[in-house]
Amino acid sequence: MLNNREKFTVVTFPNTSTALAMEAACNAQGMPGRIIPVPDRINAGCGFAWLAAEEDRIKLENFLEVKGLVFDCVYTLELDTF
């Protein structure tokens, strides 16, 4: 099976509670993305991250600010897809 690489927006969190708060807020508001394990190349305080399409980065950054959600960092990463 061939792997393709695509760019994604990845949001990291300081702990599991803040990751789950992001998931709940995004699900309630219909925001794009899903919870994933933190990619190996990122060092984060929590083992979970939010993954969304690269083009959703600004939308997610605005959402984080407006909702006052706690997070560590927002990355654009090239990741393997299957």
N, C-alpha and C. Protein backbone atom coordinates (compact mmCIF):
# COMPACT_ATOMS: atom_id res chain seq x y z
N MET A 1 0.84 -1.18 0.00
CA MET A 1 0.00 0.00 0.00
C MET A 1 0.89 1.24 0.00
N LEU A 2 0.58 2.19 -0.87
CA LEU A 2 1.35 3.42 -0.95
C LEU A 2 0.81 4.44 0.05
N ASN A 3 1.72 5.12 0.69
CA ASN A 3 1.34 6.22 1.59
C ASN A 3 1.47 7.52 0.84
N ASN A 4 0.51 8.38 1.02
CA ASN A 4 0.59 9.74 0.49
C ASN A 4 0.84 10.67 1.66
N ARG A 5 1.47 11.79 1.39
CA ARG A 5 1.70 12.78 2.44
C ARG A 5 0.84 13.99 2.14
N GLU A 6 0.18 14.48 3.18
CA GLU A 6 -0.64 15.68 3.08
C GLU A 6 -0.33 16.59 4.25
N LYS A 7 -0.59 17.88 4.07
CA LYS A 7 -0.42 18.83 5.17
C LYS A 7 -1.70 18.93 5.98
N PHE A 8 -1.52 18.96 7.29
CA PHE A 8 -2.63 19.05 8.23
C PHE A 8 -2.34 20.11 9.28
N THR A 9 -3.40 20.59 9.91
CA THR A 9 -3.29 21.43 11.09
C THR A 9 -3.39 20.52 12.30
N VAL A 10 -2.45 20.66 13.24
CA VAL A 10 -2.43 19.85 14.45
C VAL A 10 -2.34 20.80 15.65
N VAL A 11 -3.28 20.65 16.57
CA VAL A 11 -3.30 21.46 17.80
C VAL A 11 -2.93 20.55 18.96
N THR A 12 -1.96 20.99 19.77
CA THR A 12 -1.56 20.22 20.95
C THR A 12 -2.07 20.90 22.22
N PHE A 13 -2.10 20.11 23.30
CA PHE A 13 -2.71 20.56 24.55
C PHE A 13 -1.81 20.22 25.73
N PRO A 14 -1.93 20.97 26.83
CA PRO A 14 -1.10 20.69 28.00
C PRO A 14 -1.52 19.46 28.79
N ASN A 15 -2.80 19.05 28.65
CA ASN A 15 -3.28 17.88 29.39
C ASN A 15 -4.52 17.31 28.71
N THR A 16 -4.93 16.15 29.18
CA THR A 16 -6.07 15.46 28.57
C THR A 16 -7.37 16.25 28.72
N SER A 17 -7.55 16.91 29.84
CA SER A 17 -8.78 17.69 30.06
C SER A 17 -8.96 18.78 29.02
N THR A 18 -7.87 19.45 28.66
CA THR A 18 -7.99 20.53 27.67
C THR A 18 -8.22 19.95 26.27
N ALA A 19 -7.66 18.79 25.98
CA ALA A 19 -7.91 18.13 24.69
C ALA A 19 -9.38 17.72 24.58
N LEU A 20 -9.92 17.18 25.66
CA LEU A 20 -11.32 16.77 25.65
C LEU A 20 -12.27 17.97 25.61
N ALA A 21 -11.86 19.08 26.20
CA ALA A 21 -12.66 20.31 26.11
C ALA A 21 -12.71 20.80 24.67
N MET A 22 -11.58 20.71 23.96
CA MET A 22 -11.54 21.08 22.54
C MET A 22 -12.48 20.18 21.74
N GLU A 23 -12.40 18.87 22.00
CA GLU A 23 -13.25 17.94 21.27
C GLU A 23 -14.73 18.26 21.50
N ALA A 24 -15.12 18.48 22.73
CA ALA A 24 -16.51 18.79 23.04
C ALA A 24 -16.97 20.08 22.38
N ALA A 25 -16.13 21.12 22.47
CA ALA A 25 -16.48 22.42 21.87
C ALA A 25 -16.58 22.32 20.35
N CYS A 26 -15.64 21.62 19.74
CA CYS A 26 -15.66 21.47 18.28
C CYS A 26 -16.87 20.67 17.82
N ASN A 27 -17.17 19.58 18.52
CA ASN A 27 -18.33 18.77 18.16
C ASN A 27 -19.63 19.56 18.32
N ALA A 28 -19.73 20.36 19.36
CA ALA A 28 -20.94 21.15 19.61
C ALA A 28 -21.14 22.22 18.54
N GLN A 29 -20.03 22.75 18.00
CA GLN A 29 -20.12 23.85 17.04
C GLN A 29 -19.91 23.40 15.59
N GLY A 30 -19.73 22.10 15.39
CA GLY A 30 -19.55 21.59 14.02
C GLY A 30 -18.21 21.97 13.41
N MET A 31 -17.20 22.15 14.25
CA MET A 31 -15.87 22.50 13.74
C MET A 31 -15.21 21.26 13.14
N PRO A 32 -14.37 21.47 12.12
CA PRO A 32 -13.73 20.34 11.47
C PRO A 32 -12.62 19.72 12.32
N GLY A 33 -12.43 18.42 12.16
CA GLY A 33 -11.30 17.75 12.79
C GLY A 33 -11.71 16.63 13.71
N ARG A 34 -10.67 16.05 14.34
CA ARG A 34 -10.88 14.94 15.27
C ARG A 34 -9.68 14.80 16.18
N ILE A 35 -9.87 14.11 17.29
CA ILE A 35 -8.79 13.81 18.24
C ILE A 35 -7.94 12.67 17.66
N ILE A 36 -6.62 12.84 17.79
CA ILE A 36 -5.67 11.79 17.38
C ILE A 36 -4.58 11.68 18.45
N PRO A 37 -3.82 10.58 18.43
CA PRO A 37 -2.61 10.55 19.26
C PRO A 37 -1.61 11.58 18.73
N VAL A 38 -0.86 12.21 19.60
CA VAL A 38 0.12 13.21 19.17
C VAL A 38 1.13 12.55 18.23
N PRO A 39 1.38 13.16 17.06
CA PRO A 39 2.39 12.61 16.16
C PRO A 39 3.76 12.55 16.84
N ASP A 40 4.53 11.52 16.50
CA ASP A 40 5.84 11.28 17.14
C ASP A 40 6.79 12.47 17.10
N ARG A 41 6.73 13.26 16.05
CA ARG A 41 7.70 14.36 15.92
C ARG A 41 7.37 15.58 16.77
N ILE A 42 6.24 15.55 17.47
CA ILE A 42 5.85 16.66 18.34
C ILE A 42 6.01 16.24 19.79
N ASN A 43 6.55 17.13 20.60
CA ASN A 43 6.63 16.90 22.05
C ASN A 43 5.53 17.72 22.69
N ALA A 44 4.58 17.04 23.33
CA ALA A 44 3.44 17.74 23.93
C ALA A 44 3.19 17.22 25.34
N GLY A 45 2.54 18.04 26.15
CA GLY A 45 2.24 17.67 27.51
C GLY A 45 1.14 16.62 27.62
N CYS A 46 0.39 16.46 26.57
CA CYS A 46 -0.73 15.54 26.53
C CYS A 46 -0.53 14.58 25.37
N GLY A 47 -1.06 13.40 25.47
CA GLY A 47 -0.92 12.41 24.41
C GLY A 47 -1.92 12.56 23.28
N PHE A 48 -2.81 13.55 23.39
CA PHE A 48 -3.83 13.77 22.36
C PHE A 48 -3.62 15.10 21.66
N ALA A 49 -4.03 15.14 20.39
CA ALA A 49 -3.97 16.36 19.59
C ALA A 49 -5.24 16.45 18.76
N TRP A 50 -5.51 17.63 18.23
CA TRP A 50 -6.64 17.83 17.32
C TRP A 50 -6.08 17.90 15.91
N LEU A 51 -6.65 17.13 15.00
CA LEU A 51 -6.20 17.07 13.61
C LEU A 51 -7.30 17.61 12.72
N ALA A 52 -6.92 18.51 11.81
CA ALA A 52 -7.86 19.06 10.83
C ALA A 52 -7.10 19.33 9.54
N ALA A 53 -7.82 19.63 8.50
CA ALA A 53 -7.21 19.96 7.22
C ALA A 53 -6.36 21.23 7.35
N GLU A 54 -5.33 21.31 6.55
CA GLU A 54 -4.44 22.48 6.59
C GLU A 54 -5.22 23.77 6.39
N GLU A 55 -6.17 23.75 5.49
CA GLU A 55 -6.91 24.99 5.18
C GLU A 55 -7.83 25.44 6.31
N ASP A 56 -8.02 24.62 7.34
CA ASP A 56 -8.86 24.99 8.49
C ASP A 56 -8.07 25.65 9.61
N ARG A 57 -6.78 25.88 9.42
CA ARG A 57 -5.94 26.42 10.50
C ARG A 57 -6.45 27.75 11.05
N ILE A 58 -6.70 28.71 10.20
CA ILE A 58 -7.14 30.04 10.68
C ILE A 58 -8.49 29.94 11.37
N LYS A 59 -9.39 29.14 10.81
CA LYS A 59 -10.70 28.93 11.43
C LYS A 59 -10.55 28.35 12.84
N LEU A 60 -9.66 27.36 12.99
CA LEU A 60 -9.43 26.76 14.30
C LEU A 60 -8.75 27.72 15.27
N GLU A 61 -7.76 28.49 14.78
CA GLU A 61 -7.10 29.46 15.66
C GLU A 61 -8.10 30.49 16.17
N ASN A 62 -8.98 30.97 15.30
CA ASN A 62 -10.01 31.92 15.72
C ASN A 62 -10.96 31.29 16.73
N PHE A 63 -11.33 30.03 16.49
CA PHE A 63 -12.22 29.30 17.39
C PHE A 63 -11.59 29.15 18.77
N LEU A 64 -10.32 28.77 18.81
CA LEU A 64 -9.60 28.64 20.09
C LEU A 64 -9.63 29.95 20.87
N GLU A 65 -9.41 31.05 20.16
CA GLU A 65 -9.38 32.36 20.82
C GLU A 65 -10.77 32.77 21.31
N VAL A 66 -11.76 32.66 20.45
CA VAL A 66 -13.12 33.08 20.80
C VAL A 66 -13.67 32.26 21.96
N LYS A 67 -13.43 30.95 21.95
CA LYS A 67 -13.94 30.07 22.99
C LYS A 67 -13.06 30.06 24.25
N GLY A 68 -11.88 30.67 24.17
CA GLY A 68 -10.98 30.70 25.31
C GLY A 68 -10.44 29.33 25.69
N LEU A 69 -10.29 28.46 24.69
CA LEU A 69 -9.80 27.11 24.94
C LEU A 69 -8.29 27.11 25.18
N VAL A 70 -7.86 26.28 26.10
CA VAL A 70 -6.44 26.18 26.45
C VAL A 70 -5.77 25.19 25.51
N PHE A 71 -4.62 25.58 24.95
CA PHE A 71 -3.86 24.72 24.05
C PHE A 71 -2.39 25.08 24.17
N ASP A 72 -1.53 24.21 23.64
CA ASP A 72 -0.09 24.49 23.66
C ASP A 72 0.35 25.19 22.38
N CYS A 73 0.10 24.55 21.25
CA CYS A 73 0.62 25.07 19.99
C CYS A 73 -0.24 24.59 18.83
N VAL A 74 -0.20 25.36 17.75
CA VAL A 74 -0.86 24.97 16.50
C VAL A 74 0.23 24.78 15.46
N TYR A 75 0.26 23.61 14.85
CA TYR A 75 1.28 23.26 13.86
C TYR A 75 0.64 23.02 12.50
N THR A 76 1.42 23.20 11.46
CA THR A 76 1.10 22.65 10.15
C THR A 76 2.14 21.59 9.89
N LEU A 77 1.67 20.34 9.74
CA LEU A 77 2.58 19.21 9.56
C LEU A 77 2.20 18.42 8.33
N GLU A 78 3.22 17.87 7.70
CA GLU A 78 3.00 16.94 6.61
C GLU A 78 2.99 15.54 7.22
N LEU A 79 1.86 14.84 7.06
CA LEU A 79 1.69 13.52 7.67
C LEU A 79 1.30 12.51 6.60
N ASP A 80 1.59 11.26 6.86
CA ASP A 80 1.20 10.17 5.97
C ASP A 80 -0.30 9.95 6.04
N THR A 81 -0.89 9.65 4.90
CA THR A 81 -2.27 9.22 4.83
C THR A 81 -2.30 7.86 4.17
N PHE A 82 -3.34 7.12 4.40
CA PHE A 82 -3.46 5.76 3.83
C PHE A 82 -4.65 5.66 2.95
